C-alpha atoms as a PDB file:
ATOM      1  CA  MET A   1     -30.465  12.363 -57.137  1.00  0.00           C
ATOM      2  CA  GLN A   2     -28.662  12.663 -53.829  1.00  0.00           C
ATOM      3  CA  LEU A   3     -24.889  13.042 -53.789  1.00  0.00           C
ATOM      4  CA  SER A   4     -22.741  10.357 -52.170  1.00  0.00           C
ATOM      5  CA  GLU A   5     -20.465  11.148 -49.239  1.00  0.00           C
ATOM      6  CA  ASP A   6     -17.413  10.827 -51.513  1.00  0.00           C
ATOM      7  CA  GLN A   7     -18.932  13.307 -53.966  1.00  0.00           C
ATOM      8  CA  ARG A   8     -19.657  15.756 -51.172  1.00  0.00           C
ATOM      9  CA  ARG A   9     -16.136  15.357 -49.776  1.00  0.00           C
ATOM     10  CA  ASP A  10     -14.693  16.140 -53.211  1.00  0.00           C
ATOM     11  CA  MET A  11     -16.868  19.262 -53.390  1.00  0.00           C
ATOM     12  CA  HIS A  12     -15.468  20.429 -50.042  1.00  0.00           C
ATOM     13  CA  SER A  13     -11.820  20.201 -51.056  1.00  0.00           C
ATOM     14  CA  GLY A  14      -9.277  22.029 -53.163  1.00  0.00           C
ATOM     15  CA  ASP A  15     -10.404  25.453 -54.381  1.00  0.00           C
ATOM     16  CA  TYR A  16     -13.439  25.430 -52.079  1.00  0.00           C
ATOM     17  CA  VAL A  17     -11.082  25.725 -49.096  1.00  0.00           C
ATOM     18  CA  GLU A  18      -9.685  28.996 -50.434  1.00  0.00           C
ATOM     19  CA  LEU A  19     -13.166  30.251 -51.297  1.00  0.00           C
ATOM     20  CA  LEU A  20     -14.487  29.645 -47.792  1.00  0.00           C
ATOM     21  CA  ASP A  21     -11.391  31.155 -46.181  1.00  0.00           C
ATOM     22  CA  SER A  22     -11.933  34.347 -48.204  1.00  0.00           C
ATOM     23  CA  ILE A  23     -15.346  35.028 -46.644  1.00  0.00           C
ATOM     24  CA  PRO A  24     -15.161  37.965 -44.176  1.00  0.00           C
ATOM     25  CA  ILE A  25     -14.520  36.894 -40.588  1.00  0.00           C
ATOM     26  CA  SER A  26     -17.220  39.382 -39.532  1.00  0.00           C
ATOM     27  CA  ARG A  27     -19.825  36.716 -40.240  1.00  0.00           C
ATOM     28  CA  MET A  28     -18.408  34.788 -37.258  1.00  0.00           C
ATOM     29  CA  THR A  29     -17.402  37.697 -35.014  1.00  0.00           C
ATOM     30  CA  ARG A  30     -21.015  38.745 -34.508  1.00  0.00           C
ATOM     31  CA  LEU A  31     -22.000  35.233 -33.407  1.00  0.00           C
ATOM     32  CA  VAL A  32     -19.675  34.978 -30.402  1.00  0.00           C
ATOM     33  CA  PRO A  33     -21.638  37.418 -28.167  1.00  0.00           C
ATOM     34  CA  LEU A  34     -24.766  35.334 -28.835  1.00  0.00           C
ATOM     35  CA  MET A  35     -23.194  32.220 -27.335  1.00  0.00           C
ATOM     36  CA  ALA A  36     -23.034  31.178 -23.672  1.00  0.00           C
ATOM     37  CA  LEU A  37     -19.265  30.883 -23.217  1.00  0.00           C
ATOM     38  CA  SER A  38     -17.026  30.904 -20.161  1.00  0.00           C
ATOM     39  CA  SER A  39     -13.486  30.063 -19.118  1.00  0.00           C
ATOM     40  CA  THR A  40     -14.584  26.486 -18.394  1.00  0.00           C
ATOM     41  CA  THR A  41     -16.460  25.902 -21.668  1.00  0.00           C
ATOM     42  CA  ARG A  42     -15.507  22.913 -23.802  1.00  0.00           C
ATOM     43  CA  LEU A  43     -16.644  23.767 -27.323  1.00  0.00           C
ATOM     44  CA  VAL A  44     -16.824  21.466 -30.333  1.00  0.00           C
ATOM     45  CA  ASP A  45     -17.286  22.962 -33.810  1.00  0.00           C
ATOM     46  CA  PHE A  46     -19.017  20.719 -36.373  1.00  0.00           C
ATOM     47  CA  ALA A  47     -17.712  21.060 -39.951  1.00  0.00           C
ATOM     48  CA  CYS A  48     -15.170  23.598 -38.769  1.00  0.00           C
ATOM     49  CA  GLY A  49     -13.774  24.325 -42.227  1.00  0.00           C
ATOM     50  CA  THR A  50     -10.644  26.458 -41.870  1.00  0.00           C
ATOM     51  CA  GLY A  51     -11.471  26.960 -38.177  1.00  0.00           C
ATOM     52  CA  PRO A  52     -12.124  30.725 -38.038  1.00  0.00           C
ATOM     53  CA  LEU A  53     -14.100  30.361 -34.810  1.00  0.00           C
ATOM     54  CA  SER A  54     -11.068  28.967 -32.966  1.00  0.00           C
ATOM     55  CA  ALA A  55      -9.226  32.297 -32.966  1.00  0.00           C
ATOM     56  CA  LEU A  56     -12.341  34.248 -32.017  1.00  0.00           C
ATOM     57  CA  VAL A  57     -13.109  32.151 -28.921  1.00  0.00           C
ATOM     58  CA  GLN A  58      -9.601  31.205 -27.803  1.00  0.00           C
ATOM     59  CA  HIS A  59      -9.774  33.578 -24.803  1.00  0.00           C
ATOM     60  CA  GLU A  60     -13.458  32.844 -24.123  1.00  0.00           C
ATOM     61  CA  VAL A  61     -13.335  29.052 -23.665  1.00  0.00           C
ATOM     62  CA  ALA A  62     -11.231  26.384 -22.008  1.00  0.00           C
ATOM     63  CA  SER A  63     -10.868  24.383 -25.222  1.00  0.00           C
ATOM     64  CA  TYR A  64     -11.983  24.362 -28.827  1.00  0.00           C
ATOM     65  CA  GLU A  65     -12.244  21.223 -30.972  1.00  0.00           C
ATOM     66  CA  GLY A  66     -12.986  21.404 -34.688  1.00  0.00           C
ATOM     67  CA  ILE A  67     -14.239  18.439 -36.706  1.00  0.00           C
ATOM     68  CA  ASP A  68     -14.348  18.202 -40.490  1.00  0.00           C
ATOM     69  CA  PHE A  69     -14.495  15.293 -42.933  1.00  0.00           C
ATOM     70  CA  SER A  70     -12.327  17.135 -45.476  1.00  0.00           C
ATOM     71  CA  PRO A  71      -8.568  16.571 -45.063  1.00  0.00           C
ATOM     72  CA  ASP A  72      -7.897  19.792 -46.984  1.00  0.00           C
ATOM     73  CA  PHE A  73      -9.931  21.832 -44.513  1.00  0.00           C
ATOM     74  CA  VAL A  74      -8.310  20.252 -41.476  1.00  0.00           C
ATOM     75  CA  VAL A  75      -4.793  20.849 -42.826  1.00  0.00           C
ATOM     76  CA  ALA A  76      -5.696  24.488 -43.504  1.00  0.00           C
ATOM     77  CA  ALA A  77      -7.337  24.896 -40.078  1.00  0.00           C
ATOM     78  CA  ARG A  78      -4.285  23.590 -38.254  1.00  0.00           C
ATOM     79  CA  ARG A  79      -1.964  25.842 -40.255  1.00  0.00           C
ATOM     80  CA  ILE A  80      -4.085  28.968 -39.739  1.00  0.00           C
ATOM     81  CA  ALA A  81      -4.538  28.325 -36.009  1.00  0.00           C
ATOM     82  CA  ALA A  82      -0.769  27.937 -35.621  1.00  0.00           C
ATOM     83  CA  GLU A  83      -0.149  31.155 -37.565  1.00  0.00           C
ATOM     84  CA  LYS A  84      -2.580  33.006 -35.290  1.00  0.00           C
ATOM     85  CA  GLY A  85      -1.031  31.572 -32.130  1.00  0.00           C
ATOM     86  CA  VAL A  86      -4.158  29.691 -31.015  1.00  0.00           C
ATOM     87  CA  THR A  87      -2.978  27.273 -28.331  1.00  0.00           C
ATOM     88  CA  ASN A  88      -6.199  25.683 -27.061  1.00  0.00           C
ATOM     89  CA  ALA A  89      -7.553  24.358 -30.393  1.00  0.00           C
ATOM     90  CA  THR A  90      -7.516  20.769 -31.672  1.00  0.00           C
ATOM     91  CA  PHE A  91      -8.725  19.650 -35.088  1.00  0.00           C
ATOM     92  CA  HIS A  92     -10.029  16.214 -36.042  1.00  0.00           C
ATOM     93  CA  CYS A  93     -10.450  14.861 -39.557  1.00  0.00           C
ATOM     94  CA  GLU A  94     -13.272  12.374 -39.152  1.00  0.00           C
ATOM     95  CA  ASP A  95     -16.966  11.668 -39.458  1.00  0.00           C
ATOM     96  CA  ILE A  96     -19.021  13.707 -36.982  1.00  0.00           C
ATOM     97  CA  VAL A  97     -21.337  10.832 -36.066  1.00  0.00           C
ATOM     98  CA  SER A  98     -18.366   8.606 -35.228  1.00  0.00           C
ATOM     99  CA  PHE A  99     -16.831  11.385 -33.131  1.00  0.00           C
ATOM    100  CA  CYS A 100     -20.068  11.882 -31.185  1.00  0.00           C
ATOM    101  CA  ALA A 101     -20.356   8.165 -30.451  1.00  0.00           C
ATOM    102  CA  ARG A 102     -17.173   8.392 -28.349  1.00  0.00           C
ATOM    103  CA  HIS A 103     -17.933  11.564 -26.374  1.00  0.00           C
ATOM    104  CA  HIS A 104     -21.217  11.181 -24.504  1.00  0.00           C
ATOM    105  CA  GLY A 105     -22.024  14.177 -22.292  1.00  0.00           C
ATOM    106  CA  GLU A 106     -18.583  15.802 -22.530  1.00  0.00           C
ATOM    107  CA  TYR A 107     -19.201  19.230 -24.094  1.00  0.00           C
ATOM    108  CA  ASP A 108     -20.785  22.496 -23.014  1.00  0.00           C
ATOM    109  CA  VAL A 109     -21.273  23.977 -26.489  1.00  0.00           C
ATOM    110  CA  VAL A 110     -21.685  22.578 -29.987  1.00  0.00           C
ATOM    111  CA  THR A 111     -21.529  24.973 -32.946  1.00  0.00           C
ATOM    112  CA  ALA A 112     -22.540  24.333 -36.544  1.00  0.00           C
ATOM    113  CA  ASN A 113     -21.815  27.430 -38.612  1.00  0.00           C
ATOM    114  CA  ASP A 114     -22.597  27.433 -42.341  1.00  0.00           C
ATOM    115  CA  PHE A 115     -22.873  23.661 -42.219  1.00  0.00           C
ATOM    116  CA  SER A 116     -26.422  22.353 -41.888  1.00  0.00           C
ATOM    117  CA  GLU A 117     -27.335  23.512 -45.407  1.00  0.00           C
ATOM    118  CA  HIS A 118     -24.707  21.035 -46.651  1.00  0.00           C
ATOM    119  CA  VAL A 119     -26.449  17.890 -45.348  1.00  0.00           C
ATOM    120  CA  TYR A 120     -29.626  16.019 -46.253  1.00  0.00           C
ATOM    121  CA  ASP A 121     -32.345  15.525 -43.626  1.00  0.00           C
ATOM    122  CA  LYS A 122     -31.336  11.922 -42.933  1.00  0.00           C
ATOM    123  CA  ASP A 123     -27.752  12.967 -42.222  1.00  0.00           C
ATOM    124  CA  PHE A 124     -28.936  15.990 -40.246  1.00  0.00           C
ATOM    125  CA  LEU A 125     -30.866  13.758 -37.868  1.00  0.00           C
ATOM    126  CA  GLN A 126     -27.872  11.501 -37.264  1.00  0.00           C
ATOM    127  CA  ILE A 127     -25.466  14.399 -36.786  1.00  0.00           C
ATOM    128  CA  PHE A 128     -27.609  16.471 -34.466  1.00  0.00           C
ATOM    129  CA  ARG A 129     -28.767  13.515 -32.420  1.00  0.00           C
ATOM    130  CA  GLY A 130     -25.054  13.154 -31.897  1.00  0.00           C
ATOM    131  CA  ALA A 131     -24.859  16.811 -30.899  1.00  0.00           C
ATOM    132  CA  HIS A 132     -27.603  16.263 -28.326  1.00  0.00           C
ATOM    133  CA  ASP A 133     -25.770  13.225 -26.984  1.00  0.00           C
ATOM    134  CA  ILE A 134     -22.366  14.882 -26.515  1.00  0.00           C
ATOM    135  CA  LEU A 135     -23.776  17.936 -24.748  1.00  0.00           C
ATOM    136  CA  LYS A 136     -23.816  18.098 -20.978  1.00  0.00           C
ATOM    137  CA  PRO A 137     -27.182  18.835 -19.331  1.00  0.00           C
ATOM    138  CA  GLY A 138     -27.712  22.569 -19.763  1.00  0.00           C
ATOM    139  CA  GLY A 139     -25.314  22.693 -22.718  1.00  0.00           C
ATOM    140  CA  HIS A 140     -26.066  24.633 -25.888  1.00  0.00           C
ATOM    141  CA  LEU A 141     -26.188  23.912 -29.598  1.00  0.00           C
ATOM    142  CA  TYR A 142     -25.833  26.876 -31.969  1.00  0.00           C
ATOM    143  CA  ILE A 143     -26.656  26.679 -35.681  1.00  0.00           C
ATOM    144  CA  TYR A 144     -25.894  29.511 -38.108  1.00  0.00           C
ATOM    145  CA  THR A 145     -27.238  28.978 -41.623  1.00  0.00           C
ATOM    146  CA  PRO A 146     -28.957  30.612 -44.616  1.00  0.00           C
ATOM    147  CA  ASN A 147     -32.718  31.112 -44.339  1.00  0.00           C
ATOM    148  CA  LEU A 148     -34.858  29.645 -47.123  1.00  0.00           C
ATOM    149  CA  THR A 149     -37.500  32.381 -46.797  1.00  0.00           C
ATOM    150  CA  PHE A 150     -34.919  35.076 -47.656  1.00  0.00           C
ATOM    151  CA  PHE A 151     -35.836  36.229 -51.144  1.00  0.00           C
ATOM    152  CA  TRP A 152     -32.425  35.397 -52.653  1.00  0.00           C
ATOM    153  CA  GLU A 153     -32.391  31.887 -51.219  1.00  0.00           C
ATOM    154  CA  TRP A 154     -35.956  31.394 -52.471  1.00  0.00           C
ATOM    155  CA  MET A 155     -34.855  32.458 -55.940  1.00  0.00           C
ATOM    156  CA  LYS A 156     -32.063  29.905 -55.822  1.00  0.00           C
ATOM    157  CA  ASP A 157     -34.471  27.230 -54.635  1.00  0.00           C
ATOM    158  CA  VAL A 158     -36.825  27.733 -57.582  1.00  0.00           C
ATOM    159  CA  GLY A 159     -34.032  28.064 -60.131  1.00  0.00           C
ATOM    160  CA  LEU A 160     -34.139  31.824 -60.724  1.00  0.00           C
ATOM    161  CA  ALA A 161     -30.627  32.285 -59.315  1.00  0.00           C
ATOM    162  CA  LYS A 162     -27.579  30.048 -59.105  1.00  0.00           C
ATOM    163  CA  GLN A 163     -27.175  28.030 -55.911  1.00  0.00           C
ATOM    164  CA  PHE A 164     -23.837  26.884 -54.500  1.00  0.00           C
ATOM    165  CA  PRO A 165     -23.594  23.190 -55.427  1.00  0.00           C
ATOM    166  CA  GLN A 166     -22.535  22.448 -51.847  1.00  0.00           C
ATOM    167  CA  HIS A 167     -25.806  23.918 -50.510  1.00  0.00           C
ATOM    168  CA  ILE A 168     -28.028  20.888 -50.932  1.00  0.00           C
ATOM    169  CA  ALA A 169     -30.571  21.568 -48.152  1.00  0.00           C
ATOM    170  CA  VAL A 170     -31.285  25.204 -47.359  1.00  0.00           C
ATOM    171  CA  ARG A 171     -34.217  25.282 -44.902  1.00  0.00           C
ATOM    172  CA  ASP A 172     -36.455  27.733 -43.083  1.00  0.00           C
ATOM    173  CA  ALA A 173     -36.776  28.099 -39.319  1.00  0.00           C
ATOM    174  CA  ALA A 174     -39.856  25.898 -39.011  1.00  0.00           C
ATOM    175  CA  GLN A 175     -38.116  23.046 -40.807  1.00  0.00           C
ATOM    176  CA  TYR A 176     -35.117  23.332 -38.502  1.00  0.00           C
ATOM    177  CA  LEU A 177     -37.178  23.355 -35.331  1.00  0.00           C
ATOM    178  CA  ALA A 178     -39.086  20.265 -36.453  1.00  0.00           C
ATOM    179  CA  LEU A 179     -35.859  18.402 -37.235  1.00  0.00           C
ATOM    180  CA  LEU A 180     -34.241  19.447 -33.962  1.00  0.00           C
ATOM    181  CA  GLU A 181     -37.222  18.142 -32.008  1.00  0.00           C
ATOM    182  CA  GLN A 182     -36.605  14.765 -33.639  1.00  0.00           C
ATOM    183  CA  CYS A 183     -33.002  15.024 -32.417  1.00  0.00           C
ATOM    184  CA  GLY A 184     -34.098  15.282 -28.772  1.00  0.00           C
ATOM    185  CA  PHE A 185     -34.239  19.044 -28.201  1.00  0.00           C
ATOM    186  CA  ARG A 186     -37.428  20.515 -26.774  1.00  0.00           C
ATOM    187  CA  ARG A 187     -39.222  23.287 -28.660  1.00  0.00           C
ATOM    188  CA  GLU A 188     -39.435  25.432 -25.511  1.00  0.00           C
ATOM    189  CA  ASP A 189     -35.631  25.294 -25.234  1.00  0.00           C
ATOM    190  CA  MET A 190     -35.055  26.600 -28.784  1.00  0.00           C
ATOM    191  CA  GLN A 191     -34.655  30.203 -29.866  1.00  0.00           C
ATOM    192  CA  VAL A 192     -34.436  31.634 -33.397  1.00  0.00           C
ATOM    193  CA  ARG A 193     -32.745  34.919 -34.261  1.00  0.00           C
ATOM    194  CA  TYR A 194     -32.764  36.455 -37.735  1.00  0.00           C
ATOM    195  CA  LEU A 195     -29.481  38.081 -38.698  1.00  0.00           C
ATOM    196  CA  ALA A 196     -28.371  40.269 -41.577  1.00  0.00           C
ATOM    197  CA  HIS A 197     -26.289  38.861 -44.398  1.00  0.00           C
ATOM    198  CA  PHE A 198     -22.531  39.496 -44.249  1.00  0.00           C
ATOM    199  CA  ASN A 199     -22.364  40.674 -47.889  1.00  0.00           C
ATOM    200  CA  ILE A 200     -24.029  43.577 -49.705  1.00  0.00           C
ATOM    201  CA  PHE A 201     -27.455  42.212 -48.731  1.00  0.00           C
ATOM    202  CA  ARG A 202     -26.820  43.433 -45.186  1.00  0.00           C
ATOM    203  CA  THR A 203     -27.833  46.907 -46.376  1.00  0.00           C
ATOM    204  CA  ILE A 204     -31.442  45.775 -46.812  1.00  0.00           C
ATOM    205  CA  HIS A 205     -31.783  43.972 -43.482  1.00  0.00           C
ATOM    206  CA  TRP A 206     -33.898  46.836 -42.146  1.00  0.00           C
ATOM    207  CA  LEU A 207     -36.650  45.602 -44.463  1.00  0.00           C
ATOM    208  CA  SER A 208     -36.908  42.468 -42.303  1.00  0.00           C
ATOM    209  CA  HIS A 209     -38.786  44.533 -39.709  1.00  0.00           C
ATOM    210  CA  LEU A 210     -41.598  45.436 -42.101  1.00  0.00           C
ATOM    211  CA  PRO A 211     -45.007  43.792 -41.590  1.00  0.00           C
ATOM    212  CA  LEU A 212     -46.124  41.116 -44.046  1.00  0.00           C
ATOM    213  CA  VAL A 213     -43.017  41.200 -46.296  1.00  0.00           C
ATOM    214  CA  GLY A 214     -40.319  41.295 -43.624  1.00  0.00           C
ATOM    215  CA  ARG A 215     -39.811  37.531 -43.638  1.00  0.00           C
ATOM    216  CA  TYR A 216     -38.424  37.727 -47.160  1.00  0.00           C
ATOM    217  CA  PHE A 217     -35.502  39.875 -45.979  1.00  0.00           C
ATOM    218  CA  GLN A 218     -34.346  37.698 -43.051  1.00  0.00           C
ATOM    219  CA  ALA A 219     -31.140  36.406 -44.604  1.00  0.00           C
ATOM    220  CA  LYS A 220     -29.563  34.300 -41.879  1.00  0.00           C
ATOM    221  CA  LEU A 221     -30.820  32.055 -39.097  1.00  0.00           C
ATOM    222  CA  PHE A 222     -29.097  31.761 -35.732  1.00  0.00           C
ATOM    223  CA  ILE A 223     -30.750  28.947 -33.799  1.00  0.00           C
ATOM    224  CA  SER A 224     -29.875  28.120 -30.199  1.00  0.00           C
ATOM    225  CA  CYS A 225     -30.981  24.944 -28.401  1.00  0.00           C
ATOM    226  CA  ARG A 226     -30.482  24.182 -24.726  1.00  0.00           C
ATOM    227  CA  LYS A 227     -30.291  20.568 -23.629  1.00  0.00           C
END
């Protein structure tokens, strides 16, 4: 049975805010060099959570806007950005699809970090069609997410390990590319990188380069799409 939006909002509040904020910032730091950013870039961050990306890109972009449907996350993001002296960040507590409907062709970069695994396919299509719509021609979408073919995620998927209840749709690269095509992005304008995990599993990332079994050690997906 699929969870309602209210149920998912409740799951992304309270203690979950502290849990997410405790994850090492290194998971985001390594993503910034992979993005096409400049002093004129307008960046919008889908499901921004506590907004860790805002501090990392504040000197790389003209403006950062974070969107999240959880009031608890937005309150925390605003507080943390103020504490870190981030002056070019704005945070919105609202539905992403509604936000996108008002901002056709306005942004250079859309990011979705540790987010897409939290939404069902139907919602994914609505959200990332919105991402395609708000990007300027030549703009980029970046998605960072767990990879279903990673052995630990596979174990969670088949019930051999415990999955985060918020992770309702962990996918593999092929599934993402197919969905993104339905959102208006062209396959030839997509690129997939496989990154190490940020936790102890990073020590086995070298196994991802092995023939035949390497795919089971590719922990994280970093997908870029150019409009």
